[in-house]
Amino acid sequence: MENKNDIKEMDLGLSRADMLEQLEKRRIFLGDGKDMPLDRLEDIYRNYIVPKPKRERKPRNPSPDPNFNPIEIEQLAERIKSVVIVGQKRAHAENKSDDQAKQIKMDLD
C-alpha cells in the first residue's frame, strides 16, 4: 500500500521514489526520506540535483559612460606630469667640498 504522496507527481515530473533514487545515486542518503514531507524532499532534491541556471554574463564591450568627460582625462594627465617632475631627483652641485663629512662642535655647558 503506497501513500498518496508516493504516487503524486511533482511539478518536476518525479515521484518520491524517483527523487530518493536520484539522491542515492549521488550518494546523498536521507535516513527518513520515506517519511519526510514531500515538499521538504522536493526542496532537498532541487538544491542538490536540479541544475541551476548560470548567471548571464555582462557584455565585454560596455557602453560608453554617459558621465565621461575628456577634460577630466586631460587634467589627470597634467597632474601625473607634475607629480613626475616633482618626484625626480635634483641634480647635485659638482662641489667636492660638500661631499666630505662635516664635524659639528657642540658646547656642553
N, C-alpha and C. Protein backbone atom coordinates (compact mmCIF):
# COMPACT_ATOMS: atom_id res chain seq x y z
N MET A 1 0.83 -1.17 0.00
CA MET A 1 0.00 0.00 0.00
C MET A 1 0.88 1.25 0.00
N GLU A 2 0.80 1.98 -1.06
CA GLU A 2 1.61 3.18 -1.17
C GLU A 2 0.82 4.38 -0.71
N ASN A 3 1.54 5.35 -0.20
CA ASN A 3 0.94 6.61 0.21
C ASN A 3 0.50 7.40 -1.01
N LYS A 4 -0.43 8.30 -0.84
CA LYS A 4 -0.81 9.19 -1.93
C LYS A 4 0.37 10.08 -2.31
N ASN A 5 1.21 10.42 -1.31
CA ASN A 5 2.37 11.28 -1.57
C ASN A 5 3.39 10.56 -2.43
N ASP A 6 3.47 9.23 -2.32
CA ASP A 6 4.43 8.49 -3.12
C ASP A 6 4.04 8.48 -4.59
N ILE A 7 2.77 8.45 -4.87
CA ILE A 7 2.31 8.36 -6.24
C ILE A 7 2.20 9.74 -6.87
N LYS A 8 1.92 10.73 -6.05
CA LYS A 8 1.70 12.09 -6.55
C LYS A 8 2.94 12.58 -7.30
N GLU A 9 2.72 13.05 -8.49
CA GLU A 9 3.82 13.58 -9.29
C GLU A 9 4.06 15.04 -8.91
N MET A 10 5.30 15.42 -8.81
CA MET A 10 5.64 16.80 -8.51
C MET A 10 5.72 17.57 -9.82
N ASP A 11 5.86 18.87 -9.72
CA ASP A 11 6.00 19.66 -10.94
C ASP A 11 7.30 19.34 -11.65
N LEU A 12 8.21 18.64 -10.97
CA LEU A 12 9.44 18.18 -11.61
C LEU A 12 9.19 16.93 -12.45
N GLY A 13 8.04 16.31 -12.27
CA GLY A 13 7.72 15.09 -13.01
C GLY A 13 8.28 13.85 -12.35
N LEU A 14 8.62 13.90 -11.07
CA LEU A 14 9.21 12.76 -10.37
C LEU A 14 8.39 12.41 -9.15
N SER A 15 8.34 11.13 -8.85
CA SER A 15 7.68 10.69 -7.62
C SER A 15 8.69 10.70 -6.49
N ARG A 16 8.23 10.41 -5.29
CA ARG A 16 9.10 10.35 -4.12
C ARG A 16 10.20 9.31 -4.34
N ALA A 17 9.82 8.14 -4.86
CA ALA A 17 10.80 7.06 -5.09
C ALA A 17 11.86 7.49 -6.09
N ASP A 18 11.45 8.18 -7.15
CA ASP A 18 12.41 8.65 -8.16
C ASP A 18 13.39 9.65 -7.56
N MET A 19 12.88 10.57 -6.75
CA MET A 19 13.76 11.56 -6.13
C MET A 19 14.74 10.90 -5.18
N LEU A 20 14.26 9.95 -4.37
CA LEU A 20 15.16 9.25 -3.44
C LEU A 20 16.21 8.46 -4.21
N GLU A 21 15.82 7.85 -5.32
CA GLU A 21 16.78 7.09 -6.13
C GLU A 21 17.86 8.00 -6.69
N GLN A 22 17.47 9.17 -7.20
CA GLN A 22 18.45 10.11 -7.74
C GLN A 22 19.40 10.62 -6.65
N LEU A 23 18.86 10.88 -5.47
CA LEU A 23 19.71 11.32 -4.36
C LEU A 23 20.69 10.23 -3.97
N GLU A 24 20.23 8.97 -3.92
CA GLU A 24 21.12 7.86 -3.56
C GLU A 24 22.20 7.65 -4.61
N LYS A 25 21.89 7.87 -5.89
CA LYS A 25 22.90 7.74 -6.95
C LYS A 25 24.04 8.73 -6.73
N ARG A 26 23.70 9.86 -6.17
CA ARG A 26 24.72 10.89 -5.90
C ARG A 26 25.25 10.80 -4.48
N ARG A 27 24.98 9.67 -3.86
CA ARG A 27 25.46 9.36 -2.50
C ARG A 27 24.97 10.36 -1.47
N ILE A 28 23.74 10.79 -1.63
CA ILE A 28 23.09 11.63 -0.63
C ILE A 28 22.01 10.77 0.00
N PHE A 29 22.29 10.31 1.20
CA PHE A 29 21.38 9.38 1.86
C PHE A 29 20.55 10.12 2.91
N LEU A 30 19.25 9.93 2.83
CA LEU A 30 18.33 10.52 3.79
C LEU A 30 17.74 9.38 4.60
N GLY A 31 18.03 9.36 5.88
CA GLY A 31 17.53 8.28 6.73
C GLY A 31 16.02 8.24 6.80
N ASP A 32 15.40 9.39 6.88
CA ASP A 32 13.95 9.44 7.00
C ASP A 32 13.31 9.94 5.71
N GLY A 33 13.92 9.62 4.57
CA GLY A 33 13.43 10.10 3.28
C GLY A 33 12.05 9.60 2.94
N LYS A 34 11.72 8.37 3.37
CA LYS A 34 10.40 7.82 3.05
C LYS A 34 9.31 8.45 3.89
N ASP A 35 9.66 8.93 5.08
CA ASP A 35 8.67 9.54 5.97
C ASP A 35 8.69 11.07 5.91
N MET A 36 9.65 11.62 5.19
CA MET A 36 9.82 13.07 5.12
C MET A 36 8.66 13.69 4.33
N PRO A 37 8.20 14.87 4.72
CA PRO A 37 7.17 15.55 3.92
C PRO A 37 7.66 15.76 2.49
N LEU A 38 6.76 15.61 1.55
CA LEU A 38 7.13 15.66 0.14
C LEU A 38 7.70 17.02 -0.27
N ASP A 39 7.19 18.09 0.29
CA ASP A 39 7.73 19.41 -0.07
C ASP A 39 9.16 19.58 0.42
N ARG A 40 9.48 19.01 1.58
CA ARG A 40 10.86 19.07 2.10
C ARG A 40 11.79 18.23 1.22
N LEU A 41 11.33 17.06 0.80
CA LEU A 41 12.12 16.20 -0.08
C LEU A 41 12.36 16.90 -1.42
N GLU A 42 11.34 17.57 -1.91
CA GLU A 42 11.49 18.29 -3.17
C GLU A 42 12.50 19.43 -3.03
N ASP A 43 12.49 20.13 -1.91
CA ASP A 43 13.48 21.19 -1.67
C ASP A 43 14.89 20.64 -1.69
N ILE A 44 15.09 19.52 -1.01
CA ILE A 44 16.42 18.89 -0.99
C ILE A 44 16.81 18.48 -2.40
N TYR A 45 15.88 17.88 -3.12
CA TYR A 45 16.15 17.44 -4.49
C TYR A 45 16.54 18.62 -5.37
N ARG A 46 15.79 19.70 -5.27
CA ARG A 46 16.08 20.88 -6.10
C ARG A 46 17.46 21.46 -5.77
N ASN A 47 17.83 21.46 -4.50
CA ASN A 47 19.11 22.06 -4.11
C ASN A 47 20.31 21.22 -4.52
N TYR A 48 20.16 19.89 -4.60
CA TYR A 48 21.31 19.04 -4.86
C TYR A 48 21.31 18.41 -6.24
N ILE A 49 20.18 18.26 -6.88
CA ILE A 49 20.13 17.52 -8.13
C ILE A 49 19.83 18.42 -9.32
N VAL A 50 18.83 19.26 -9.21
CA VAL A 50 18.39 20.07 -10.34
C VAL A 50 19.45 21.12 -10.64
N PRO A 51 19.95 21.15 -11.89
CA PRO A 51 20.97 22.14 -12.22
C PRO A 51 20.40 23.55 -12.16
N LYS A 52 21.22 24.44 -11.68
CA LYS A 52 20.81 25.84 -11.56
C LYS A 52 21.30 26.60 -12.80
N PRO A 53 20.51 27.51 -13.31
CA PRO A 53 20.96 28.26 -14.49
C PRO A 53 22.13 29.16 -14.14
N LYS A 54 23.03 29.29 -15.08
CA LYS A 54 24.19 30.16 -14.87
C LYS A 54 23.77 31.61 -14.98
N ARG A 55 24.54 32.44 -14.31
CA ARG A 55 24.26 33.87 -14.41
C ARG A 55 24.56 34.35 -15.83
N GLU A 56 23.84 35.35 -16.24
CA GLU A 56 24.11 35.91 -17.55
C GLU A 56 25.39 36.74 -17.47
N ARG A 57 26.21 36.58 -18.48
CA ARG A 57 27.47 37.32 -18.50
C ARG A 57 27.23 38.76 -18.90
N LYS A 58 28.05 39.61 -18.37
CA LYS A 58 27.99 41.01 -18.74
C LYS A 58 28.65 41.17 -20.11
N PRO A 59 28.19 42.10 -20.91
CA PRO A 59 28.82 42.28 -22.23
C PRO A 59 30.27 42.74 -22.06
N ARG A 60 31.12 42.22 -22.93
CA ARG A 60 32.54 42.55 -22.84
C ARG A 60 32.82 43.99 -23.26
N ASN A 61 32.05 44.50 -24.18
CA ASN A 61 32.24 45.88 -24.64
C ASN A 61 31.17 46.74 -23.99
N PRO A 62 31.46 47.25 -22.82
CA PRO A 62 30.44 48.06 -22.15
C PRO A 62 30.17 49.34 -22.93
N SER A 63 28.97 49.81 -22.80
CA SER A 63 28.62 51.06 -23.48
C SER A 63 29.40 52.20 -22.84
N PRO A 64 29.66 53.24 -23.61
CA PRO A 64 30.43 54.37 -23.05
C PRO A 64 29.71 55.00 -21.86
N ASP A 65 30.51 55.44 -20.93
CA ASP A 65 29.98 56.06 -19.72
C ASP A 65 29.31 57.38 -20.08
N PRO A 66 28.04 57.56 -19.70
CA PRO A 66 27.39 58.83 -20.03
C PRO A 66 28.00 60.02 -19.30
N ASN A 67 28.71 59.78 -18.21
CA ASN A 67 29.34 60.86 -17.44
C ASN A 67 30.78 61.08 -17.87
N PHE A 68 31.19 60.47 -18.96
CA PHE A 68 32.56 60.57 -19.44
C PHE A 68 32.87 62.02 -19.81
N ASN A 69 34.01 62.49 -19.32
CA ASN A 69 34.40 63.88 -19.56
C ASN A 69 35.86 63.90 -20.02
N PRO A 70 36.15 64.24 -21.29
CA PRO A 70 37.54 64.23 -21.76
C PRO A 70 38.40 65.27 -21.05
N ILE A 71 37.79 66.31 -20.52
CA ILE A 71 38.55 67.34 -19.81
C ILE A 71 39.18 66.74 -18.55
N GLU A 72 38.45 65.86 -17.89
CA GLU A 72 38.99 65.23 -16.68
C GLU A 72 40.24 64.43 -17.00
N ILE A 73 40.26 63.75 -18.13
CA ILE A 73 41.43 62.96 -18.50
C ILE A 73 42.62 63.88 -18.73
N GLU A 74 42.40 65.01 -19.40
CA GLU A 74 43.49 65.95 -19.62
C GLU A 74 44.02 66.50 -18.30
N GLN A 75 43.12 66.81 -17.37
CA GLN A 75 43.55 67.31 -16.07
C GLN A 75 44.35 66.25 -15.32
N LEU A 76 43.90 65.02 -15.38
CA LEU A 76 44.63 63.95 -14.71
C LEU A 76 46.01 63.75 -15.33
N ALA A 77 46.10 63.87 -16.65
CA ALA A 77 47.40 63.73 -17.31
C ALA A 77 48.35 64.83 -16.86
N GLU A 78 47.86 66.05 -16.73
CA GLU A 78 48.69 67.16 -16.26
C GLU A 78 49.16 66.92 -14.82
N ARG A 79 48.27 66.42 -13.99
CA ARG A 79 48.65 66.13 -12.60
C ARG A 79 49.74 65.07 -12.55
N ILE A 80 49.60 64.06 -13.38
CA ILE A 80 50.60 62.99 -13.39
C ILE A 80 51.95 63.56 -13.81
N LYS A 81 51.96 64.41 -14.83
CA LYS A 81 53.23 65.01 -15.27
C LYS A 81 53.86 65.83 -14.16
N SER A 82 53.05 66.62 -13.46
CA SER A 82 53.62 67.46 -12.40
C SER A 82 54.14 66.61 -11.25
N VAL A 83 53.49 65.52 -10.94
CA VAL A 83 53.98 64.64 -9.87
C VAL A 83 55.29 64.00 -10.29
N VAL A 84 55.41 63.63 -11.55
CA VAL A 84 56.65 63.02 -12.03
C VAL A 84 57.79 64.03 -11.95
N ILE A 85 57.54 65.25 -12.33
CA ILE A 85 58.58 66.28 -12.29
C ILE A 85 59.02 66.53 -10.85
N VAL A 86 58.08 66.66 -9.95
CA VAL A 86 58.41 66.91 -8.55
C VAL A 86 59.14 65.71 -7.96
N GLY A 87 58.81 64.52 -8.38
CA GLY A 87 59.40 63.32 -7.82
C GLY A 87 60.80 63.02 -8.31
N GLN A 88 61.26 63.69 -9.37
CA GLN A 88 62.60 63.42 -9.89
C GLN A 88 63.65 63.99 -8.95
N LYS A 89 64.81 63.33 -8.94
CA LYS A 89 65.90 63.80 -8.08
C LYS A 89 66.52 65.06 -8.69
N ARG A 90 66.89 65.95 -7.82
CA ARG A 90 67.54 67.17 -8.27
C ARG A 90 69.02 66.91 -8.49
N ALA A 91 69.57 67.60 -9.44
CA ALA A 91 71.00 67.45 -9.73
C ALA A 91 71.81 68.07 -8.60
N HIS A 92 72.85 67.35 -8.19
CA HIS A 92 73.72 67.86 -7.12
C HIS A 92 74.81 68.74 -7.72
N ALA A 93 75.24 69.66 -6.92
CA ALA A 93 76.35 70.52 -7.35
C ALA A 93 77.62 69.69 -7.42
N GLU A 94 78.46 70.05 -8.33
CA GLU A 94 79.69 69.31 -8.55
C GLU A 94 80.78 69.72 -7.57
N ASN A 95 80.42 70.33 -6.47
CA ASN A 95 81.37 70.81 -5.49
C ASN A 95 81.84 69.64 -4.63
N LYS A 96 83.16 69.35 -4.68
CA LYS A 96 83.71 68.22 -3.94
C LYS A 96 83.74 68.48 -2.44
N SER A 97 83.80 69.71 -2.03
CA SER A 97 83.89 70.01 -0.60
C SER A 97 82.58 69.65 0.11
N ASP A 98 81.49 69.62 -0.60
CA ASP A 98 80.21 69.28 0.02
C ASP A 98 80.10 67.78 0.31
N ASP A 99 80.89 66.97 -0.39
CA ASP A 99 80.77 65.52 -0.24
C ASP A 99 81.47 64.99 1.00
N GLN A 100 82.41 65.76 1.57
CA GLN A 100 83.17 65.25 2.71
C GLN A 100 82.36 65.38 3.99
N ALA A 101 82.69 64.51 4.92
CA ALA A 101 81.99 64.52 6.20
C ALA A 101 82.28 65.83 6.93
N LYS A 102 81.30 66.33 7.63
CA LYS A 102 81.46 67.58 8.35
C LYS A 102 81.39 67.30 9.83
N GLN A 103 82.17 68.05 10.58
CA GLN A 103 82.17 67.90 12.03
C GLN A 103 81.46 69.09 12.64
N ILE A 104 80.70 68.79 13.65
CA ILE A 104 79.97 69.84 14.35
C ILE A 104 80.49 69.88 15.78
N LYS A 105 80.88 71.08 16.19
CA LYS A 105 81.39 71.24 17.54
C LYS A 105 80.24 71.73 18.40
N MET A 106 80.02 71.06 19.51
CA MET A 106 78.93 71.44 20.39
C MET A 106 79.49 71.87 21.73
N ASP A 107 78.90 72.88 22.27
CA ASP A 107 79.28 73.33 23.61
C ASP A 107 78.44 72.57 24.61
N LEU A 108 79.11 71.96 25.56
CA LEU A 108 78.41 71.20 26.59
C LEU A 108 78.48 71.96 27.91
N ASP A 109 77.90 73.07 28.00
CA ASP A 109 77.94 73.87 29.23
C ASP A 109 76.76 73.62 30.09
